C-alpha atoms as a PDB file:
ATOM      1  CA  MET A   1       0.000   0.000   0.000  1.00  0.00           C
ATOM      2  CA  SER A   2       1.487   3.339  -1.035  1.00  0.00           C
ATOM      3  CA  GLU A   3       1.523   6.402   1.186  1.00  0.00           C
ATOM      4  CA  PHE A   4      -0.409   9.514   0.108  1.00  0.00           C
ATOM      5  CA  VAL A   5       1.820  12.483  -0.732  1.00  0.00           C
ATOM      6  CA  ASP A   6       0.186  15.897  -0.846  1.00  0.00           C
ATOM      7  CA  PRO A   7       1.155  17.396  -4.264  1.00  0.00           C
ATOM      8  CA  LEU A   8       1.185  20.905  -2.772  1.00  0.00           C
ATOM      9  CA  SER A   9       4.015  19.896  -0.459  1.00  0.00           C
ATOM     10  CA  ARG A  10       6.329  19.012  -3.342  1.00  0.00           C
ATOM     11  CA  PRO A  11       8.265  22.163  -4.347  1.00  0.00           C
ATOM     12  CA  ALA A  12       9.191  20.865  -7.805  1.00  0.00           C
ATOM     13  CA  ALA A  13       5.655  19.793  -8.667  1.00  0.00           C
ATOM     14  CA  SER A  14       3.875  21.602 -11.482  1.00  0.00           C
ATOM     15  CA  ILE A  15       0.482  22.219  -9.967  1.00  0.00           C
ATOM     16  CA  PHE A  16      -2.213  24.069 -11.879  1.00  0.00           C
ATOM     17  CA  PHE A  17      -5.185  25.837 -10.328  1.00  0.00           C
ATOM     18  CA  VAL A  18      -8.368  26.009 -12.418  1.00  0.00           C
ATOM     19  CA  GLY A  19     -11.378  28.130 -11.541  1.00  0.00           C
ATOM     20  CA  ARG A  20     -13.623  30.981 -12.621  1.00  0.00           C
ATOM     21  CA  ASP A  21     -13.146  34.706 -12.230  1.00  0.00           C
ATOM     22  CA  GLN A  22     -15.791  37.362 -11.541  1.00  0.00           C
ATOM     23  CA  GLN A  23     -16.553  37.709 -15.270  1.00  0.00           C
ATOM     24  CA  GLY A  24     -17.186  33.975 -15.658  1.00  0.00           C
ATOM     25  CA  ASN A  25     -13.978  33.221 -17.562  1.00  0.00           C
ATOM     26  CA  TRP A  26     -12.136  30.021 -16.783  1.00  0.00           C
ATOM     27  CA  VAL A  27      -8.712  30.795 -15.335  1.00  0.00           C
ATOM     28  CA  VAL A  28      -5.669  28.534 -15.302  1.00  0.00           C
ATOM     29  CA  ARG A  29      -2.605  29.424 -13.284  1.00  0.00           C
ATOM     30  CA  GLU A  30       0.435  27.364 -12.452  1.00  0.00           C
ATOM     31  CA  LYS A  31       1.338  27.325  -8.758  1.00  0.00           C
ATOM     32  CA  ASN A  32       4.422  29.484  -9.306  1.00  0.00           C
ATOM     33  CA  GLY A  33       2.594  31.835 -11.709  1.00  0.00           C
ATOM     34  CA  ALA A  34       4.888  31.031 -14.653  1.00  0.00           C
ATOM     35  CA  LEU A  35       2.133  29.702 -16.919  1.00  0.00           C
ATOM     36  CA  GLY A  36      -1.562  30.353 -17.244  1.00  0.00           C
ATOM     37  CA  GLY A  37      -4.387  31.821 -19.249  1.00  0.00           C
ATOM     38  CA  LEU A  38      -8.062  32.745 -19.610  1.00  0.00           C
ATOM     39  CA  PHE A  39     -10.522  30.439 -21.359  1.00  0.00           C
ATOM     40  CA  VAL A  40     -14.190  30.566 -22.344  1.00  0.00           C
ATOM     41  CA  ASP A  41     -14.987  27.092 -21.037  1.00  0.00           C
ATOM     42  CA  ARG A  42     -13.721  24.435 -18.659  1.00  0.00           C
ATOM     43  CA  ALA A  43     -12.837  21.963 -21.394  1.00  0.00           C
ATOM     44  CA  GLN A  44     -10.416  24.393 -23.041  1.00  0.00           C
ATOM     45  CA  ALA A  45      -8.840  25.248 -19.680  1.00  0.00           C
ATOM     46  CA  ILE A  46      -8.206  21.585 -18.843  1.00  0.00           C
ATOM     47  CA  LYS A  47      -6.953  20.907 -22.382  1.00  0.00           C
ATOM     48  CA  PHE A  48      -4.410  23.733 -21.948  1.00  0.00           C
ATOM     49  CA  VAL A  49      -3.097  22.178 -18.739  1.00  0.00           C
ATOM     50  CA  LEU A  50      -2.852  18.703 -20.251  1.00  0.00           C
ATOM     51  CA  LYS A  51      -1.038  20.012 -23.345  1.00  0.00           C
ATOM     52  CA  SER A  52       1.509  21.804 -21.171  1.00  0.00           C
ATOM     53  CA  ARG A  53       2.953  18.363 -20.306  1.00  0.00           C
ATOM     54  CA  ARG A  54       4.170  19.922 -17.068  1.00  0.00           C
ATOM     55  CA  SER A  55       1.238  19.142 -14.821  1.00  0.00           C
ATOM     56  CA  GLU A  56       1.496  16.756 -11.928  1.00  0.00           C
ATOM     57  CA  ALA A  57      -1.765  17.898 -10.387  1.00  0.00           C
ATOM     58  CA  ILE A  58      -4.821  19.925 -11.347  1.00  0.00           C
ATOM     59  CA  ILE A  59      -6.744  21.540  -8.532  1.00  0.00           C
ATOM     60  CA  GLU A  60     -10.183  22.793  -9.533  1.00  0.00           C
ATOM     61  CA  PHE A  61     -12.019  25.330  -7.423  1.00  0.00           C
ATOM     62  CA  SER A  62     -15.766  24.978  -6.991  1.00  0.00           C
ATOM     63  CA  PRO A  63     -17.893  27.109  -9.335  1.00  0.00           C
ATOM     64  CA  GLU A  64     -18.962  29.300  -6.423  1.00  0.00           C
ATOM     65  CA  LEU A  65     -15.394  30.396  -5.621  1.00  0.00           C
ATOM     66  CA  GLU A  66     -13.974  33.531  -7.238  1.00  0.00           C
ATOM     67  CA  PHE A  67     -10.510  33.126  -8.699  1.00  0.00           C
ATOM     68  CA  ALA A  68      -8.241  36.142  -9.171  1.00  0.00           C
ATOM     69  CA  THR A  69      -6.635  36.503 -12.598  1.00  0.00           C
ATOM     70  CA  VAL A  70      -3.782  38.685 -11.353  1.00  0.00           C
ATOM     71  CA  ALA A  71      -0.640  36.837 -10.350  1.00  0.00           C
ATOM     72  CA  GLU A  72       0.775  37.682  -6.954  1.00  0.00           C
ATOM     73  CA  PRO A  73       4.226  39.344  -6.991  1.00  0.00           C
END
């Protein structure tokens, strides 16, 4: 039986956050802010992450949660 490892605890992991902003756009942002974008639907947002070939985890926020499109400094 393997032990669960939280992907957020791995510094080298490419983790992508997916959610919606106040305007209803789908937002994708890599954990470190190096890669991301705005999309008109969820399918295109997920496709972007999968095509990046860098993802180890995708964390999707619930539709009720606002997601800022501005990367933190």
